[in-house]
Amino acid sequence: MSRYTEASCKICRKKGQKLFLKGYKCRTNCVVDKANDKEGKRGARPKKISDYAKHLREKQVARLSFQIGEAQFRRFFSIASKAKGKTGETLLRLLEMRLDNIVRRAGFCDSIKTARQIVSHGHVKVNGKAVNIPSYITKVEDEITLSPQILEKVIVKQAIENADKSSSRPSFISYNPENMSAKIVRLPERNEMSVAVNDQLIVEYYSK
């Protein structure tokens, strides 16, 4: 998979949308918010884009939000298209249930990049068994825990504290502060998913 070396804020500026690639910092010091404020004051008119560009943009926003390559994103779409239910919603749910994203949404880290590193380095356990594959699809009733070593890291402690203060954990994840574990109690609803996109446009993009 290709690695992202471009500045996170630059990616968001290009798409004109907050992708929360830097986690908590995106809520307090976001260049997209600043740019929108400036454009609002100037009364700038929104740029007209083609129908194809609209479809491409939604696909790119979803892909970049989870920081995965095109080949892997297409693979997830192929799985979703063969499953029952709405393809777009199934695709987003699959992405949402990735282990690296669950680690992020459980509040163990602020960004998807940090979550991926924690998983890849073998610090995450699913039901007591170490899993080092960020794209691993978690299931309902899975319990996620971190190794004692990583729990002592400042970046993890700060992320947990931020999640506690902001109450940002979704209701489909049950967090236990006593043993610092997270359990998936059910599948996420559409409005609980972390990516704000029109999934129908993504389906139409790959259907052309």
N, C-alpha and C. Protein backbone atom coordinates (compact mmCIF):
# COMPACT_ATOMS: atom_id res chain seq x y z
N MET A 1 0.84 -1.19 0.00
CA MET A 1 0.00 0.00 0.00
C MET A 1 0.87 1.24 0.00
N SER A 2 0.51 2.26 -0.75
CA SER A 2 1.26 3.49 -0.80
C SER A 2 1.21 4.22 0.53
N ARG A 3 2.32 4.89 0.84
CA ARG A 3 2.39 5.64 2.10
C ARG A 3 2.06 7.10 1.84
N TYR A 4 1.43 7.72 2.81
CA TYR A 4 1.07 9.12 2.70
C TYR A 4 2.17 9.97 3.32
N THR A 5 2.85 10.76 2.49
CA THR A 5 3.91 11.62 2.97
C THR A 5 3.49 13.08 2.94
N GLU A 6 2.33 13.34 2.35
CA GLU A 6 1.84 14.72 2.26
C GLU A 6 1.28 15.17 3.60
N ALA A 7 1.44 16.45 3.89
CA ALA A 7 0.94 17.00 5.15
C ALA A 7 -0.56 16.77 5.26
N SER A 8 -1.01 16.35 6.44
CA SER A 8 -2.43 16.03 6.65
C SER A 8 -3.32 17.22 6.36
N CYS A 9 -2.91 18.39 6.83
CA CYS A 9 -3.72 19.60 6.64
C CYS A 9 -3.86 19.94 5.16
N LYS A 10 -2.83 19.62 4.39
CA LYS A 10 -2.86 19.91 2.95
C LYS A 10 -3.91 19.05 2.26
N ILE A 11 -4.04 17.81 2.72
CA ILE A 11 -5.05 16.91 2.15
C ILE A 11 -6.45 17.46 2.39
N CYS A 12 -6.69 17.91 3.62
CA CYS A 12 -8.00 18.46 3.97
C CYS A 12 -8.30 19.73 3.17
N ARG A 13 -7.27 20.58 2.98
CA ARG A 13 -7.45 21.81 2.22
C ARG A 13 -7.84 21.50 0.78
N LYS A 14 -7.21 20.48 0.20
CA LYS A 14 -7.51 20.09 -1.18
C LYS A 14 -8.96 19.65 -1.34
N LYS A 15 -9.44 18.91 -0.35
CA LYS A 15 -10.80 18.39 -0.42
C LYS A 15 -11.82 19.38 0.12
N GLY A 16 -11.34 20.43 0.78
CA GLY A 16 -12.25 21.44 1.32
C GLY A 16 -13.13 20.91 2.43
N GLN A 17 -12.63 19.89 3.14
CA GLN A 17 -13.43 19.25 4.19
C GLN A 17 -12.52 18.71 5.28
N LYS A 18 -12.98 18.80 6.52
CA LYS A 18 -12.20 18.27 7.64
C LYS A 18 -12.28 16.75 7.64
N LEU A 19 -11.11 16.10 7.53
CA LEU A 19 -11.05 14.65 7.55
C LEU A 19 -10.57 14.13 8.89
N PHE A 20 -10.26 15.03 9.81
CA PHE A 20 -9.82 14.68 11.16
C PHE A 20 -8.62 13.73 11.15
N LEU A 21 -7.67 14.01 10.26
CA LEU A 21 -6.48 13.17 10.14
C LEU A 21 -5.50 13.38 11.28
N LYS A 22 -5.62 14.52 11.97
CA LYS A 22 -4.72 14.80 13.09
C LYS A 22 -5.45 14.71 14.43
N GLY A 23 -6.66 14.15 14.38
CA GLY A 23 -7.40 13.89 15.61
C GLY A 23 -7.84 15.13 16.36
N TYR A 24 -7.50 15.19 17.63
CA TYR A 24 -7.98 16.26 18.52
C TYR A 24 -7.56 17.64 18.04
N LYS A 25 -6.39 17.75 17.43
CA LYS A 25 -5.90 19.04 16.93
C LYS A 25 -6.84 19.63 15.88
N CYS A 26 -7.54 18.76 15.15
CA CYS A 26 -8.45 19.22 14.11
C CYS A 26 -9.65 19.97 14.71
N ARG A 27 -9.94 19.70 15.97
CA ARG A 27 -11.08 20.36 16.62
C ARG A 27 -10.68 21.73 17.20
N THR A 28 -9.38 21.93 17.41
CA THR A 28 -8.94 23.15 18.07
C THR A 28 -8.18 24.12 17.17
N ASN A 29 -7.51 23.60 16.14
CA ASN A 29 -6.69 24.46 15.29
C ASN A 29 -6.70 23.95 13.86
N CYS A 30 -7.81 24.15 13.17
CA CYS A 30 -8.01 23.57 11.84
C CYS A 30 -7.84 24.62 10.74
N VAL A 31 -7.00 24.31 9.75
CA VAL A 31 -6.77 25.25 8.65
C VAL A 31 -7.99 25.36 7.74
N VAL A 32 -8.80 24.30 7.67
CA VAL A 32 -10.00 24.33 6.85
C VAL A 32 -11.01 25.33 7.42
N ASP A 33 -11.17 25.31 8.74
CA ASP A 33 -12.07 26.26 9.39
C ASP A 33 -11.60 27.69 9.15
N LYS A 34 -10.30 27.91 9.26
CA LYS A 34 -9.75 29.25 9.05
C LYS A 34 -9.97 29.71 7.62
N ALA A 35 -9.76 28.79 6.65
CA ALA A 35 -9.94 29.13 5.25
C ALA A 35 -11.40 29.45 4.94
N ASN A 36 -12.32 28.66 5.53
CA ASN A 36 -13.75 28.90 5.32
C ASN A 36 -14.20 30.23 5.90
N ASP A 37 -13.60 30.59 7.05
CA ASP A 37 -13.93 31.88 7.66
C ASP A 37 -13.50 33.03 6.76
N LYS A 38 -12.31 32.91 6.18
CA LYS A 38 -11.80 33.96 5.29
C LYS A 38 -12.66 34.09 4.04
N GLU A 39 -13.03 32.93 3.45
CA GLU A 39 -13.85 32.95 2.24
C GLU A 39 -15.24 33.51 2.54
N GLY A 40 -15.74 33.19 3.75
CA GLY A 40 -17.05 33.69 4.12
C GLY A 40 -17.06 35.20 4.26
N LYS A 41 -15.98 35.74 4.79
CA LYS A 41 -15.87 37.18 4.95
C LYS A 41 -15.74 37.88 3.60
N ARG A 42 -15.07 37.21 2.66
CA ARG A 42 -14.90 37.79 1.33
C ARG A 42 -16.13 37.60 0.45
N GLY A 43 -17.01 36.70 0.89
CA GLY A 43 -18.20 36.41 0.10
C GLY A 43 -17.89 35.63 -1.16
N ALA A 44 -16.90 34.73 -1.06
CA ALA A 44 -16.48 33.95 -2.22
C ALA A 44 -17.59 33.01 -2.69
N ARG A 45 -17.75 32.91 -4.01
CA ARG A 45 -18.75 32.01 -4.57
C ARG A 45 -18.19 30.60 -4.67
N PRO A 46 -19.03 29.59 -4.41
CA PRO A 46 -18.55 28.20 -4.52
C PRO A 46 -18.22 27.85 -5.97
N LYS A 47 -17.13 27.11 -6.16
CA LYS A 47 -16.72 26.74 -7.50
C LYS A 47 -17.63 25.66 -8.07
N LYS A 48 -17.92 25.76 -9.35
CA LYS A 48 -18.74 24.75 -10.01
C LYS A 48 -17.84 23.57 -10.41
N ILE A 49 -18.30 22.37 -10.11
CA ILE A 49 -17.53 21.18 -10.49
C ILE A 49 -18.41 20.25 -11.30
N SER A 50 -17.77 19.42 -12.09
CA SER A 50 -18.49 18.50 -12.96
C SER A 50 -19.12 17.37 -12.16
N ASP A 51 -20.03 16.64 -12.80
CA ASP A 51 -20.70 15.52 -12.16
C ASP A 51 -19.67 14.44 -11.79
N TYR A 52 -18.72 14.20 -12.70
CA TYR A 52 -17.69 13.20 -12.43
C TYR A 52 -16.84 13.61 -11.22
N ALA A 53 -16.50 14.90 -11.16
CA ALA A 53 -15.68 15.40 -10.05
C ALA A 53 -16.39 15.22 -8.71
N LYS A 54 -17.71 15.37 -8.70
CA LYS A 54 -18.48 15.18 -7.47
C LYS A 54 -18.38 13.73 -6.99
N HIS A 55 -18.51 12.80 -7.93
CA HIS A 55 -18.42 11.38 -7.59
C HIS A 55 -17.01 11.04 -7.10
N LEU A 56 -16.01 11.53 -7.83
CA LEU A 56 -14.62 11.26 -7.46
C LEU A 56 -14.29 11.83 -6.09
N ARG A 57 -14.78 13.02 -5.81
CA ARG A 57 -14.49 13.67 -4.54
C ARG A 57 -15.02 12.86 -3.37
N GLU A 58 -16.25 12.35 -3.48
CA GLU A 58 -16.83 11.57 -2.38
C GLU A 58 -16.03 10.31 -2.13
N LYS A 59 -15.58 9.68 -3.21
CA LYS A 59 -14.77 8.47 -3.07
C LYS A 59 -13.44 8.79 -2.42
N GLN A 60 -12.82 9.88 -2.84
CA GLN A 60 -11.53 10.26 -2.29
C GLN A 60 -11.62 10.67 -0.82
N VAL A 61 -12.67 11.37 -0.47
CA VAL A 61 -12.86 11.77 0.93
C VAL A 61 -12.97 10.53 1.83
N ALA A 62 -13.75 9.55 1.39
CA ALA A 62 -13.91 8.33 2.17
C ALA A 62 -12.59 7.57 2.27
N ARG A 63 -11.90 7.46 1.16
CA ARG A 63 -10.63 6.72 1.14
C ARG A 63 -9.56 7.40 1.99
N LEU A 64 -9.43 8.70 1.83
CA LEU A 64 -8.40 9.44 2.56
C LEU A 64 -8.70 9.53 4.06
N SER A 65 -9.98 9.53 4.41
CA SER A 65 -10.35 9.59 5.82
C SER A 65 -9.82 8.38 6.59
N PHE A 66 -9.76 7.25 5.91
CA PHE A 66 -9.25 6.03 6.53
C PHE A 66 -7.80 5.77 6.16
N GLN A 67 -7.22 6.70 5.34
CA GLN A 67 -5.81 6.62 4.96
C GLN A 67 -5.44 5.26 4.35
N ILE A 68 -6.23 4.83 3.37
CA ILE A 68 -5.93 3.57 2.70
C ILE A 68 -5.77 3.83 1.20
N GLY A 69 -5.07 2.93 0.52
CA GLY A 69 -4.81 3.07 -0.90
C GLY A 69 -6.03 2.71 -1.75
N GLU A 70 -5.94 3.03 -3.03
CA GLU A 70 -7.04 2.78 -3.94
C GLU A 70 -7.35 1.29 -4.08
N ALA A 71 -6.31 0.46 -4.17
CA ALA A 71 -6.51 -0.98 -4.34
C ALA A 71 -7.26 -1.58 -3.16
N GLN A 72 -6.89 -1.17 -1.96
CA GLN A 72 -7.56 -1.70 -0.77
C GLN A 72 -8.98 -1.17 -0.67
N PHE A 73 -9.18 0.09 -1.02
CA PHE A 73 -10.52 0.67 -0.98
C PHE A 73 -11.43 -0.05 -1.97
N ARG A 74 -10.91 -0.33 -3.15
CA ARG A 74 -11.69 -1.04 -4.17
C ARG A 74 -12.03 -2.45 -3.71
N ARG A 75 -11.10 -3.07 -2.98
CA ARG A 75 -11.35 -4.41 -2.46
C ARG A 75 -12.52 -4.39 -1.46
N PHE A 76 -12.54 -3.38 -0.60
CA PHE A 76 -13.64 -3.24 0.35
C PHE A 76 -14.96 -3.01 -0.39
N PHE A 77 -14.89 -2.23 -1.47
CA PHE A 77 -16.12 -1.99 -2.25
C PHE A 77 -16.61 -3.28 -2.88
N SER A 78 -15.68 -4.11 -3.36
CA SER A 78 -16.06 -5.39 -3.98
C SER A 78 -16.76 -6.29 -2.96
N ILE A 79 -16.24 -6.31 -1.73
CA ILE A 79 -16.87 -7.11 -0.66
C ILE A 79 -18.26 -6.59 -0.36
N ALA A 80 -18.39 -5.25 -0.28
CA ALA A 80 -19.67 -4.63 0.05
C ALA A 80 -20.71 -4.87 -1.04
N SER A 81 -20.27 -4.87 -2.30
CA SER A 81 -21.20 -5.04 -3.42
C SER A 81 -21.79 -6.44 -3.48
N LYS A 82 -21.11 -7.40 -2.86
CA LYS A 82 -21.58 -8.79 -2.87
C LYS A 82 -22.40 -9.12 -1.63
N ALA A 83 -22.40 -8.22 -0.67
CA ALA A 83 -23.13 -8.46 0.58
C ALA A 83 -24.58 -8.00 0.45
N LYS A 84 -25.42 -8.43 1.38
CA LYS A 84 -26.81 -8.02 1.39
C LYS A 84 -26.92 -6.59 1.90
N GLY A 85 -27.98 -5.91 1.50
CA GLY A 85 -28.19 -4.54 1.95
C GLY A 85 -27.64 -3.51 0.98
N LYS A 86 -27.66 -2.26 1.40
CA LYS A 86 -27.19 -1.17 0.56
C LYS A 86 -25.67 -1.19 0.47
N THR A 87 -25.17 -1.19 -0.75
CA THR A 87 -23.72 -1.31 -0.97
C THR A 87 -22.95 -0.19 -0.31
N GLY A 88 -23.41 1.05 -0.49
CA GLY A 88 -22.69 2.19 0.06
C GLY A 88 -22.61 2.15 1.57
N GLU A 89 -23.72 1.86 2.21
CA GLU A 89 -23.75 1.81 3.66
C GLU A 89 -22.91 0.65 4.18
N THR A 90 -22.96 -0.48 3.49
CA THR A 90 -22.16 -1.64 3.88
C THR A 90 -20.68 -1.34 3.75
N LEU A 91 -20.30 -0.61 2.70
CA LEU A 91 -18.90 -0.22 2.50
C LEU A 91 -18.41 0.63 3.67
N LEU A 92 -19.18 1.64 4.03
CA LEU A 92 -18.77 2.52 5.12
C LEU A 92 -18.73 1.77 6.45
N ARG A 93 -19.63 0.81 6.62
CA ARG A 93 -19.64 0.05 7.86
C ARG A 93 -18.40 -0.84 7.95
N LEU A 94 -18.00 -1.43 6.82
CA LEU A 94 -16.78 -2.25 6.80
C LEU A 94 -15.56 -1.41 7.18
N LEU A 95 -15.49 -0.22 6.61
CA LEU A 95 -14.37 0.68 6.91
C LEU A 95 -14.39 1.11 8.37
N GLU A 96 -15.59 1.35 8.87
CA GLU A 96 -15.75 1.77 10.26
C GLU A 96 -15.31 0.68 11.23
N MET A 97 -15.48 -0.57 10.84
CA MET A 97 -15.18 -1.70 11.72
C MET A 97 -13.73 -2.18 11.60
N ARG A 98 -12.93 -1.51 10.78
CA ARG A 98 -11.51 -1.83 10.73
C ARG A 98 -10.91 -1.65 12.13
N LEU A 99 -9.95 -2.50 12.45
CA LEU A 99 -9.37 -2.46 13.80
C LEU A 99 -8.71 -1.13 14.11
N ASP A 100 -7.97 -0.57 13.14
CA ASP A 100 -7.31 0.70 13.42
C ASP A 100 -8.33 1.81 13.69
N ASN A 101 -9.45 1.79 12.99
CA ASN A 101 -10.47 2.81 13.22
C ASN A 101 -11.19 2.61 14.56
N ILE A 102 -11.42 1.34 14.94
CA ILE A 102 -12.05 1.06 16.23
C ILE A 102 -11.15 1.53 17.37
N VAL A 103 -9.86 1.32 17.23
CA VAL A 103 -8.90 1.79 18.24
C VAL A 103 -8.99 3.31 18.37
N ARG A 104 -9.11 4.00 17.23
CA ARG A 104 -9.24 5.46 17.25
C ARG A 104 -10.56 5.89 17.88
N ARG A 105 -11.65 5.30 17.47
CA ARG A 105 -12.96 5.72 17.96
C ARG A 105 -13.21 5.32 19.41
N ALA A 106 -12.47 4.33 19.88
CA ALA A 106 -12.58 3.95 21.29
C ALA A 106 -11.85 4.94 22.18
N GLY A 107 -11.09 5.85 21.55
CA GLY A 107 -10.41 6.89 22.31
C GLY A 107 -9.01 6.54 22.75
N PHE A 108 -8.44 5.45 22.21
CA PHE A 108 -7.09 5.06 22.59
C PHE A 108 -6.03 5.92 21.90
N CYS A 109 -6.42 6.61 20.82
CA CYS A 109 -5.52 7.53 20.14
C CYS A 109 -6.38 8.54 19.39
N ASP A 110 -5.75 9.64 18.99
CA ASP A 110 -6.50 10.74 18.38
C ASP A 110 -6.63 10.64 16.87
N SER A 111 -5.69 9.94 16.22
CA SER A 111 -5.71 9.91 14.76
C SER A 111 -5.63 8.49 14.22
N ILE A 112 -6.06 8.31 12.99
CA ILE A 112 -6.03 7.00 12.35
C ILE A 112 -4.59 6.56 12.10
N LYS A 113 -3.70 7.53 11.87
CA LYS A 113 -2.29 7.23 11.65
C LYS A 113 -1.65 6.62 12.89
N THR A 114 -1.91 7.23 14.04
CA THR A 114 -1.37 6.71 15.30
C THR A 114 -1.97 5.35 15.63
N ALA A 115 -3.26 5.20 15.37
CA ALA A 115 -3.94 3.92 15.62
C ALA A 115 -3.31 2.81 14.79
N ARG A 116 -3.00 3.12 13.55
CA ARG A 116 -2.39 2.11 12.66
C ARG A 116 -1.01 1.70 13.17
N GLN A 117 -0.25 2.65 13.67
CA GLN A 117 1.07 2.34 14.21
C GLN A 117 0.97 1.45 15.44
N ILE A 118 0.01 1.77 16.31
CA ILE A 118 -0.17 0.99 17.53
C ILE A 118 -0.54 -0.46 17.19
N VAL A 119 -1.45 -0.62 16.22
CA VAL A 119 -1.86 -1.97 15.81
C VAL A 119 -0.70 -2.71 15.15
N SER A 120 -0.02 -2.04 14.22
CA SER A 120 1.07 -2.67 13.47
C SER A 120 2.21 -3.12 14.37
N HIS A 121 2.43 -2.41 15.47
CA HIS A 121 3.52 -2.75 16.38
C HIS A 121 3.12 -3.80 17.42
N GLY A 122 1.91 -4.35 17.26
CA GLY A 122 1.49 -5.46 18.10
C GLY A 122 1.02 -5.09 19.50
N HIS A 123 0.56 -3.85 19.68
CA HIS A 123 0.13 -3.41 21.01
C HIS A 123 -1.37 -3.59 21.25
N VAL A 124 -2.09 -4.12 20.26
CA VAL A 124 -3.54 -4.24 20.38
C VAL A 124 -3.95 -5.72 20.41
N LYS A 125 -4.86 -6.03 21.32
CA LYS A 125 -5.39 -7.38 21.42
C LYS A 125 -6.89 -7.37 21.16
N VAL A 126 -7.35 -8.39 20.46
CA VAL A 126 -8.78 -8.58 20.22
C VAL A 126 -9.17 -9.89 20.89
N ASN A 127 -10.02 -9.77 21.90
CA ASN A 127 -10.44 -10.94 22.70
C ASN A 127 -9.23 -11.66 23.29
N GLY A 128 -8.25 -10.87 23.73
CA GLY A 128 -7.08 -11.44 24.39
C GLY A 128 -5.97 -11.91 23.47
N LYS A 129 -6.20 -11.85 22.15
CA LYS A 129 -5.20 -12.31 21.20
C LYS A 129 -4.64 -11.13 20.42
N ALA A 130 -3.31 -11.03 20.36
CA ALA A 130 -2.66 -9.92 19.66
C ALA A 130 -2.98 -9.95 18.17
N VAL A 131 -3.36 -8.80 17.63
CA VAL A 131 -3.65 -8.67 16.20
C VAL A 131 -2.87 -7.46 15.69
N ASN A 132 -2.02 -7.67 14.68
CA ASN A 132 -1.19 -6.58 14.16
C ASN A 132 -1.56 -6.19 12.73
N ILE A 133 -2.80 -6.46 12.36
CA ILE A 133 -3.28 -6.13 11.02
C ILE A 133 -4.30 -5.00 11.13
N PRO A 134 -3.94 -3.77 10.73
CA PRO A 134 -4.85 -2.62 10.86
C PRO A 134 -6.19 -2.80 10.14
N SER A 135 -6.18 -3.53 9.01
CA SER A 135 -7.40 -3.71 8.23
C SER A 135 -8.28 -4.85 8.73
N TYR A 136 -7.88 -5.49 9.82
CA TYR A 136 -8.67 -6.57 10.40
C TYR A 136 -10.08 -6.06 10.72
N ILE A 137 -11.10 -6.80 10.26
CA ILE A 137 -12.48 -6.37 10.48
C ILE A 137 -12.99 -6.94 11.80
N THR A 138 -13.28 -6.06 12.73
CA THR A 138 -13.79 -6.49 14.02
C THR A 138 -15.26 -6.87 13.92
N LYS A 139 -15.75 -7.55 14.95
CA LYS A 139 -17.13 -8.01 14.96
C LYS A 139 -17.81 -7.61 16.27
N VAL A 140 -19.12 -7.73 16.27
CA VAL A 140 -19.89 -7.46 17.49
C VAL A 140 -19.45 -8.44 18.58
N GLU A 141 -19.31 -7.94 19.79
CA GLU A 141 -18.86 -8.67 20.98
C GLU A 141 -17.34 -8.76 21.09
N ASP A 142 -16.61 -8.27 20.10
CA ASP A 142 -15.14 -8.24 20.21
C ASP A 142 -14.73 -7.24 21.28
N GLU A 143 -13.74 -7.62 22.08
CA GLU A 143 -13.21 -6.74 23.12
C GLU A 143 -11.80 -6.32 22.74
N ILE A 144 -11.54 -5.01 22.76
CA ILE A 144 -10.26 -4.46 22.35
C ILE A 144 -9.51 -3.96 23.57
N THR A 145 -8.26 -4.41 23.72
CA THR A 145 -7.41 -3.95 24.81
C THR A 145 -6.04 -3.59 24.26
N LEU A 146 -5.30 -2.78 25.03
CA LEU A 146 -3.95 -2.38 24.65
C LEU A 146 -2.94 -2.98 25.62
N SER A 147 -1.72 -3.12 25.16
CA SER A 147 -0.67 -3.66 26.00
C SER A 147 -0.34 -2.65 27.11
N PRO A 148 0.10 -3.12 28.27
CA PRO A 148 0.45 -2.22 29.38
C PRO A 148 1.51 -1.19 28.99
N GLN A 149 2.45 -1.59 28.11
CA GLN A 149 3.52 -0.66 27.72
C GLN A 149 2.97 0.55 26.98
N ILE A 150 2.06 0.32 26.03
CA ILE A 150 1.54 1.44 25.23
C ILE A 150 0.59 2.31 26.03
N LEU A 151 -0.06 1.72 27.04
CA LEU A 151 -0.97 2.51 27.88
C LEU A 151 -0.21 3.54 28.72
N GLU A 152 1.08 3.33 28.89
CA GLU A 152 1.90 4.26 29.66
C GLU A 152 2.43 5.41 28.81
N LYS A 153 2.25 5.34 27.50
CA LYS A 153 2.72 6.39 26.62
C LYS A 153 1.86 7.65 26.77
N VAL A 154 2.52 8.79 26.73
CA VAL A 154 1.82 10.07 26.90
C VAL A 154 0.76 10.28 25.83
N ILE A 155 1.07 9.90 24.59
CA ILE A 155 0.14 10.13 23.48
C ILE A 155 -1.16 9.35 23.67
N VAL A 156 -1.07 8.16 24.27
CA VAL A 156 -2.25 7.34 24.53
C VAL A 156 -3.02 7.89 25.73
N LYS A 157 -2.29 8.25 26.79
CA LYS A 157 -2.94 8.81 27.98
C LYS A 157 -3.69 10.09 27.63
N GLN A 158 -3.08 10.94 26.79
CA GLN A 158 -3.71 12.20 26.40
C GLN A 158 -4.95 11.95 25.56
N ALA A 159 -4.87 10.95 24.66
CA ALA A 159 -6.02 10.62 23.81
C ALA A 159 -7.20 10.14 24.64
N ILE A 160 -6.93 9.28 25.61
CA ILE A 160 -7.99 8.76 26.48
C ILE A 160 -8.62 9.89 27.28
N GLU A 161 -7.77 10.80 27.77
CA GLU A 161 -8.26 11.95 28.53
C GLU A 161 -9.13 12.84 27.65
N ASN A 162 -8.71 13.07 26.41
CA ASN A 162 -9.50 13.88 25.47
C ASN A 162 -10.85 13.24 25.19
N ALA A 163 -10.84 11.92 25.00
CA ALA A 163 -12.09 11.20 24.73
C ALA A 163 -13.03 11.25 25.92
N ASP A 164 -12.46 11.17 27.13
CA ASP A 164 -13.27 11.25 28.35
C ASP A 164 -13.93 12.63 28.49
N LYS A 165 -13.15 13.67 28.19
CA LYS A 165 -13.65 15.03 28.34
C LYS A 165 -14.71 15.37 27.31
N SER A 166 -14.47 14.95 26.06
CA SER A 166 -15.37 15.31 24.97
C SER A 166 -16.54 14.35 24.78
N SER A 167 -16.50 13.21 25.49
CA SER A 167 -17.54 12.17 25.33
C SER A 167 -17.74 11.83 23.86
N SER A 168 -16.62 11.65 23.16
CA SER A 168 -16.67 11.44 21.71
C SER A 168 -16.81 9.98 21.29
N ARG A 169 -16.79 9.07 22.25
CA ARG A 169 -16.91 7.66 21.89
C ARG A 169 -18.34 7.37 21.41
N PRO A 170 -18.48 6.65 20.29
CA PRO A 170 -19.82 6.33 19.78
C PRO A 170 -20.50 5.30 20.66
N SER A 171 -21.82 5.26 20.62
CA SER A 171 -22.57 4.37 21.50
C SER A 171 -22.47 2.90 21.11
N PHE A 172 -21.97 2.60 19.92
CA PHE A 172 -21.84 1.18 19.56
C PHE A 172 -20.56 0.58 20.17
N ILE A 173 -19.76 1.43 20.82
CA ILE A 173 -18.57 0.96 21.53
C ILE A 173 -18.75 1.24 23.02
N SER A 174 -18.61 0.20 23.83
CA SER A 174 -18.72 0.33 25.27
C SER A 174 -17.31 0.37 25.87
N TYR A 175 -16.99 1.47 26.53
CA TYR A 175 -15.64 1.63 27.11
C TYR A 175 -15.67 1.37 28.60
N ASN A 176 -14.73 0.56 29.07
CA ASN A 176 -14.62 0.24 30.49
C ASN A 176 -13.38 0.93 31.04
N PRO A 177 -13.55 2.01 31.81
CA PRO A 177 -12.40 2.76 32.32
C PRO A 177 -11.58 2.01 33.36
N GLU A 178 -12.18 1.01 33.99
CA GLU A 178 -11.47 0.27 35.04
C GLU A 178 -10.31 -0.53 34.48
N ASN A 179 -10.56 -1.26 33.38
CA ASN A 179 -9.46 -2.03 32.77
C ASN A 179 -9.06 -1.47 31.41
N MET A 180 -9.59 -0.28 31.09
CA MET A 180 -9.27 0.41 29.84
C MET A 180 -9.45 -0.51 28.63
N SER A 181 -10.63 -1.07 28.53
CA SER A 181 -10.97 -1.93 27.40
C SER A 181 -12.20 -1.37 26.68
N ALA A 182 -12.34 -1.75 25.44
CA ALA A 182 -13.49 -1.30 24.64
C ALA A 182 -14.15 -2.52 24.01
N LYS A 183 -15.47 -2.55 24.06
CA LYS A 183 -16.21 -3.68 23.50
C LYS A 183 -17.21 -3.19 22.48
N ILE A 184 -17.28 -3.87 21.36
CA ILE A 184 -18.23 -3.52 20.30
C ILE A 184 -19.56 -4.20 20.63
N VAL A 185 -20.55 -3.41 20.98
CA VAL A 185 -21.82 -3.97 21.44
C VAL A 185 -22.82 -4.19 20.30
N ARG A 186 -22.62 -3.50 19.20
CA ARG A 186 -23.51 -3.66 18.04
C ARG A 186 -22.84 -3.02 16.82
N LEU A 187 -23.43 -3.21 15.66
CA LEU A 187 -22.92 -2.59 14.45
C LEU A 187 -23.30 -1.11 14.45
N PRO A 188 -22.45 -0.26 13.89
CA PRO A 188 -22.75 1.18 13.88
C PRO A 188 -23.89 1.53 12.94
N GLU A 189 -24.72 2.47 13.36
CA GLU A 189 -25.77 2.99 12.49
C GLU A 189 -25.13 3.97 11.50
N ARG A 190 -25.87 4.32 10.45
CA ARG A 190 -25.33 5.20 9.42
C ARG A 190 -24.91 6.55 9.99
N ASN A 191 -25.69 7.09 10.91
CA ASN A 191 -25.37 8.41 11.46
C ASN A 191 -24.27 8.38 12.50
N GLU A 192 -23.78 7.20 12.84
CA GLU A 192 -22.70 7.07 13.81
C GLU A 192 -21.34 6.90 13.15
N MET A 193 -21.34 6.76 11.84
CA MET A 193 -20.09 6.53 11.13
C MET A 193 -19.30 7.83 11.03
N SER A 194 -17.99 7.69 11.03
CA SER A 194 -17.12 8.85 11.18
C SER A 194 -16.87 9.65 9.92
N VAL A 195 -17.33 9.15 8.77
CA VAL A 195 -17.07 9.85 7.50
C VAL A 195 -18.36 10.45 6.96
N ALA A 196 -18.32 11.76 6.72
CA ALA A 196 -19.49 12.46 6.19
C ALA A 196 -19.41 12.51 4.67
N VAL A 197 -19.95 11.51 4.02
CA VAL A 197 -19.95 11.44 2.56
C VAL A 197 -21.30 10.96 2.05
N ASN A 198 -21.53 11.18 0.77
CA ASN A 198 -22.72 10.64 0.10
C ASN A 198 -22.32 9.29 -0.48
N ASP A 199 -22.62 8.21 0.23
CA ASP A 199 -22.16 6.89 -0.20
C ASP A 199 -22.75 6.46 -1.54
N GLN A 200 -23.92 7.01 -1.91
CA GLN A 200 -24.52 6.66 -3.19
C GLN A 200 -23.65 7.13 -4.35
N LEU A 201 -22.99 8.27 -4.18
CA LEU A 201 -22.10 8.77 -5.22
C LEU A 201 -20.89 7.87 -5.39
N ILE A 202 -20.44 7.26 -4.30
CA ILE A 202 -19.32 6.31 -4.38
C ILE A 202 -19.73 5.08 -5.16
N VAL A 203 -20.94 4.60 -4.89
CA VAL A 203 -21.46 3.42 -5.61
C VAL A 203 -21.58 3.73 -7.10
N GLU A 204 -22.09 4.89 -7.42
CA GLU A 204 -22.24 5.30 -8.82
C GLU A 204 -20.87 5.47 -9.49
N TYR A 205 -19.88 5.93 -8.74
CA TYR A 205 -18.54 6.12 -9.30
C TYR A 205 -17.98 4.78 -9.78
N TYR A 206 -18.11 3.76 -8.97
CA TYR A 206 -17.57 2.44 -9.34
C TYR A 206 -18.47 1.67 -10.30
N SER A 207 -19.68 2.16 -10.48
CA SER A 207 -20.63 1.49 -11.38
C SER A 207 -20.49 1.96 -12.82
N LYS A 208 -19.76 3.06 -13.00
CA LYS A 208 -19.63 3.63 -14.36
C LYS A 208 -18.63 2.83 -15.20
